[in-house]
Amino acid sequence: MSDPQAIASTHATYPRSGAEWMALVVSLALFLLGVRAFFDPVSASAAFGLPMHSGAETSFVQVYGARNAFLGAVALSLILLRMTKPVALIFTLATVLPPLDAWVIVSRLGMSGELIRHAIILLVLVVASVLLWRQQREAGEWSN
């Protein structure tokens, strides 16, 4: 029995794939980075690439943090529920966020080394998305 629902009903173990572990780590990192940005926006703004010096000017960083924490929490919840197809969709749709974040930096500061961080985040999201979609296809769950 390889059906996750059948396995769950028999209480047998259902090992997670490499794609699921990667998605779990990425989702946890997204959640933690979001929480950090929400509670410590000054240091998070520097890590983002637009350093700010007072709490009064970091409101958008807290919005950014709330967005990331929410996306991470949703993805973590879905992973724990073994709903990998919605996680694949979230990660795929989230690939638009790093280029938009990078555009904000370029529009304010021009080209800078901080863009590398956003490029790496984009690459990780693309790889995780591809691996999750491939897992769905190989499991025969492509059309479900």
C-alpha atoms as a PDB file:
ATOM      1  CA  MET A   1       0.000   0.000   0.000  1.00  0.00           C
ATOM      2  CA  SER A   2       1.620   3.195  -1.124  1.00  0.00           C
ATOM      3  CA  ASP A   3      -1.487   5.339  -0.835  1.00  0.00           C
ATOM      4  CA  PRO A   4      -0.849   7.910   1.926  1.00  0.00           C
ATOM      5  CA  GLN A   5      -4.469   7.699   3.127  1.00  0.00           C
ATOM      6  CA  ALA A   6      -4.296   3.904   3.365  1.00  0.00           C
ATOM      7  CA  ILE A   7      -1.003   4.129   5.181  1.00  0.00           C
ATOM      8  CA  ALA A   8      -2.385   6.723   7.577  1.00  0.00           C
ATOM      9  CA  SER A   9      -5.376   4.511   8.367  1.00  0.00           C
ATOM     10  CA  THR A  10      -3.114   1.569   9.211  1.00  0.00           C
ATOM     11  CA  HIS A  11      -0.739   3.741  11.265  1.00  0.00           C
ATOM     12  CA  ALA A  12       2.188   2.588   9.150  1.00  0.00           C
ATOM     13  CA  THR A  13       5.098   4.952   8.738  1.00  0.00           C
ATOM     14  CA  TYR A  14       5.165   7.060   5.624  1.00  0.00           C
ATOM     15  CA  PRO A  15       8.661   8.362   5.012  1.00  0.00           C
ATOM     16  CA  ARG A  16       9.036  11.875   3.690  1.00  0.00           C
ATOM     17  CA  SER A  17      10.789  12.393   0.398  1.00  0.00           C
ATOM     18  CA  GLY A  18      13.780  14.656  -0.139  1.00  0.00           C
ATOM     19  CA  ALA A  19      11.434  17.183  -1.752  1.00  0.00           C
ATOM     20  CA  GLU A  20       9.224  17.213   1.331  1.00  0.00           C
ATOM     21  CA  TRP A  21      12.211  17.670   3.660  1.00  0.00           C
ATOM     22  CA  MET A  22      13.478  20.530   1.504  1.00  0.00           C
ATOM     23  CA  ALA A  23      10.025  22.137   1.547  1.00  0.00           C
ATOM     24  CA  LEU A  24       9.884  21.702   5.325  1.00  0.00           C
ATOM     25  CA  VAL A  25      13.251  23.420   5.824  1.00  0.00           C
ATOM     26  CA  VAL A  26      12.416  26.237   3.390  1.00  0.00           C
ATOM     27  CA  SER A  27       9.013  26.795   5.004  1.00  0.00           C
ATOM     28  CA  LEU A  28      10.519  26.869   8.484  1.00  0.00           C
ATOM     29  CA  ALA A  29      13.199  29.339   7.339  1.00  0.00           C
ATOM     30  CA  LEU A  30      10.543  31.514   5.688  1.00  0.00           C
ATOM     31  CA  PHE A  31       8.491  31.488   8.885  1.00  0.00           C
ATOM     32  CA  LEU A  32      11.465  32.317  11.125  1.00  0.00           C
ATOM     33  CA  LEU A  33      12.718  35.088   8.833  1.00  0.00           C
ATOM     34  CA  GLY A  34       9.220  36.540   8.810  1.00  0.00           C
ATOM     35  CA  VAL A  35       8.969  36.476  12.587  1.00  0.00           C
ATOM     36  CA  ARG A  36      12.394  38.134  12.841  1.00  0.00           C
ATOM     37  CA  ALA A  37      11.371  40.880  10.415  1.00  0.00           C
ATOM     38  CA  PHE A  38       8.171  41.465  12.328  1.00  0.00           C
ATOM     39  CA  PHE A  39       9.802  41.698  15.769  1.00  0.00           C
ATOM     40  CA  ASP A  40      13.222  43.126  14.822  1.00  0.00           C
ATOM     41  CA  PRO A  41      12.552  45.210  11.701  1.00  0.00           C
ATOM     42  CA  VAL A  42      15.702  47.348  11.930  1.00  0.00           C
ATOM     43  CA  SER A  43      18.131  44.421  11.617  1.00  0.00           C
ATOM     44  CA  ALA A  44      15.830  42.625   9.181  1.00  0.00           C
ATOM     45  CA  SER A  45      15.788  45.695   6.920  1.00  0.00           C
ATOM     46  CA  ALA A  46      19.590  45.568   6.738  1.00  0.00           C
ATOM     47  CA  ALA A  47      19.467  41.865   5.839  1.00  0.00           C
ATOM     48  CA  PHE A  48      16.809  42.604   3.205  1.00  0.00           C
ATOM     49  CA  GLY A  49      19.085  45.155   1.558  1.00  0.00           C
ATOM     50  CA  LEU A  50      17.457  48.431   2.584  1.00  0.00           C
ATOM     51  CA  PRO A  51      18.937  49.295   5.973  1.00  0.00           C
ATOM     52  CA  MET A  52      16.863  51.510   8.211  1.00  0.00           C
ATOM     53  CA  HIS A  53      17.815  52.993  11.532  1.00  0.00           C
ATOM     54  CA  SER A  54      14.649  53.514  13.534  1.00  0.00           C
ATOM     55  CA  GLY A  55      11.471  51.615  14.166  1.00  0.00           C
ATOM     56  CA  ALA A  56       9.442  54.477  12.716  1.00  0.00           C
ATOM     57  CA  GLU A  57      10.755  53.888   9.208  1.00  0.00           C
ATOM     58  CA  THR A  58      10.430  50.096   9.181  1.00  0.00           C
ATOM     59  CA  SER A  59       6.676  49.592   8.874  1.00  0.00           C
ATOM     60  CA  PHE A  60       6.996  47.988   5.461  1.00  0.00           C
ATOM     61  CA  VAL A  61       9.552  45.539   6.887  1.00  0.00           C
ATOM     62  CA  GLN A  62       6.978  44.375   9.397  1.00  0.00           C
ATOM     63  CA  VAL A  63       4.486  43.884   6.564  1.00  0.00           C
ATOM     64  CA  TYR A  64       7.172  41.911   4.696  1.00  0.00           C
ATOM     65  CA  GLY A  65       7.758  39.872   7.862  1.00  0.00           C
ATOM     66  CA  ALA A  66       4.075  39.196   8.381  1.00  0.00           C
ATOM     67  CA  ARG A  67       3.762  38.080   4.735  1.00  0.00           C
ATOM     68  CA  ASN A  68       6.686  35.675   5.042  1.00  0.00           C
ATOM     69  CA  ALA A  69       5.636  34.321   8.443  1.00  0.00           C
ATOM     70  CA  PHE A  70       2.127  33.677   7.133  1.00  0.00           C
ATOM     71  CA  LEU A  71       3.353  31.941   3.964  1.00  0.00           C
ATOM     72  CA  GLY A  72       5.772  29.853   6.012  1.00  0.00           C
ATOM     73  CA  ALA A  73       3.076  28.877   8.522  1.00  0.00           C
ATOM     74  CA  VAL A  74       0.644  27.875   5.766  1.00  0.00           C
ATOM     75  CA  ALA A  75       3.301  25.823   3.969  1.00  0.00           C
ATOM     76  CA  LEU A  76       4.420  24.166   7.235  1.00  0.00           C
ATOM     77  CA  SER A  77       0.823  23.278   8.067  1.00  0.00           C
ATOM     78  CA  LEU A  78       0.255  21.742   4.655  1.00  0.00           C
ATOM     79  CA  ILE A  79       3.511  19.793   4.811  1.00  0.00           C
ATOM     80  CA  LEU A  80       2.627  18.399   8.225  1.00  0.00           C
ATOM     81  CA  LEU A  81      -0.745  17.365   6.798  1.00  0.00           C
ATOM     82  CA  ARG A  82       1.128  15.712   3.870  1.00  0.00           C
ATOM     83  CA  MET A  83      -0.598  17.953   1.339  1.00  0.00           C
ATOM     84  CA  THR A  84       2.382  18.422  -0.940  1.00  0.00           C
ATOM     85  CA  LYS A  85       0.501  19.503  -4.055  1.00  0.00           C
ATOM     86  CA  PRO A  86      -0.720  22.770  -2.444  1.00  0.00           C
ATOM     87  CA  VAL A  87       2.812  23.331  -1.106  1.00  0.00           C
ATOM     88  CA  ALA A  88       4.158  22.921  -4.645  1.00  0.00           C
ATOM     89  CA  LEU A  89       1.627  25.497  -5.835  1.00  0.00           C
ATOM     90  CA  ILE A  90       2.489  27.942  -3.026  1.00  0.00           C
ATOM     91  CA  PHE A  91       6.217  27.623  -3.746  1.00  0.00           C
ATOM     92  CA  THR A  92       5.627  28.039  -7.479  1.00  0.00           C
ATOM     93  CA  LEU A  93       3.531  31.163  -6.980  1.00  0.00           C
ATOM     94  CA  ALA A  94       6.002  32.497  -4.399  1.00  0.00           C
ATOM     95  CA  THR A  95       8.774  32.539  -7.025  1.00  0.00           C
ATOM     96  CA  VAL A  96       7.456  35.957  -8.048  1.00  0.00           C
ATOM     97  CA  LEU A  97       8.325  37.422  -4.624  1.00  0.00           C
ATOM     98  CA  PRO A  98      12.171  37.440  -4.735  1.00  0.00           C
ATOM     99  CA  PRO A  99      12.299  39.268  -8.096  1.00  0.00           C
ATOM    100  CA  LEU A 100       9.779  41.815  -6.799  1.00  0.00           C
ATOM    101  CA  ASP A 101      11.785  42.253  -3.605  1.00  0.00           C
ATOM    102  CA  ALA A 102      14.940  42.681  -5.697  1.00  0.00           C
ATOM    103  CA  TRP A 103      13.152  45.254  -7.858  1.00  0.00           C
ATOM    104  CA  VAL A 104      12.369  47.269  -4.714  1.00  0.00           C
ATOM    105  CA  ILE A 105      16.065  47.272  -3.816  1.00  0.00           C
ATOM    106  CA  VAL A 106      17.183  48.205  -7.331  1.00  0.00           C
ATOM    107  CA  SER A 107      14.611  51.010  -7.508  1.00  0.00           C
ATOM    108  CA  ARG A 108      15.951  52.487  -4.257  1.00  0.00           C
ATOM    109  CA  LEU A 109      19.669  51.686  -4.265  1.00  0.00           C
ATOM    110  CA  GLY A 110      20.507  50.446  -7.735  1.00  0.00           C
ATOM    111  CA  MET A 111      22.435  47.254  -8.321  1.00  0.00           C
ATOM    112  CA  SER A 112      24.034  45.948  -5.133  1.00  0.00           C
ATOM    113  CA  GLY A 113      25.402  42.807  -3.569  1.00  0.00           C
ATOM    114  CA  GLU A 114      22.199  42.410  -1.578  1.00  0.00           C
ATOM    115  CA  LEU A 115      20.535  41.147  -4.748  1.00  0.00           C
ATOM    116  CA  ILE A 116      22.456  37.882  -4.418  1.00  0.00           C
ATOM    117  CA  ARG A 117      20.352  36.930  -1.395  1.00  0.00           C
ATOM    118  CA  HIS A 118      17.160  37.374  -3.388  1.00  0.00           C
ATOM    119  CA  ALA A 119      18.580  35.401  -6.314  1.00  0.00           C
ATOM    120  CA  ILE A 120      19.429  32.528  -3.964  1.00  0.00           C
ATOM    121  CA  ILE A 121      15.933  32.595  -2.477  1.00  0.00           C
ATOM    122  CA  LEU A 122      14.482  32.475  -5.992  1.00  0.00           C
ATOM    123  CA  LEU A 123      16.716  29.531  -6.895  1.00  0.00           C
ATOM    124  CA  VAL A 124      15.702  27.618  -3.755  1.00  0.00           C
ATOM    125  CA  LEU A 125      11.999  28.217  -4.446  1.00  0.00           C
ATOM    126  CA  VAL A 126      12.368  27.082  -8.064  1.00  0.00           C
ATOM    127  CA  VAL A 127      14.262  23.923  -7.085  1.00  0.00           C
ATOM    128  CA  ALA A 128      11.771  23.079  -4.330  1.00  0.00           C
ATOM    129  CA  SER A 129       8.848  23.691  -6.703  1.00  0.00           C
ATOM    130  CA  VAL A 130      10.310  21.494  -9.428  1.00  0.00           C
ATOM    131  CA  LEU A 131      11.077  18.681  -6.967  1.00  0.00           C
ATOM    132  CA  LEU A 132       7.601  18.821  -5.433  1.00  0.00           C
ATOM    133  CA  TRP A 133       5.861  18.831  -8.836  1.00  0.00           C
ATOM    134  CA  ARG A 134       8.091  15.964  -9.998  1.00  0.00           C
ATOM    135  CA  GLN A 135       7.155  14.010  -6.869  1.00  0.00           C
ATOM    136  CA  GLN A 136       3.468  14.582  -7.622  1.00  0.00           C
ATOM    137  CA  ARG A 137       3.874  13.386 -11.196  1.00  0.00           C
ATOM    138  CA  GLU A 138       5.857  10.288 -10.188  1.00  0.00           C
ATOM    139  CA  ALA A 139       3.316   9.406  -7.499  1.00  0.00           C
ATOM    140  CA  GLY A 140       0.566   9.454 -10.110  1.00  0.00           C
ATOM    141  CA  GLU A 141      -1.141  12.381  -8.404  1.00  0.00           C
ATOM    142  CA  TRP A 142      -0.617  14.820 -11.270  1.00  0.00           C
ATOM    143  CA  SER A 143      -4.293  15.159 -12.224  1.00  0.00           C
ATOM    144  CA  ASN A 144      -5.853  14.875  -8.765  1.00  0.00           C
END
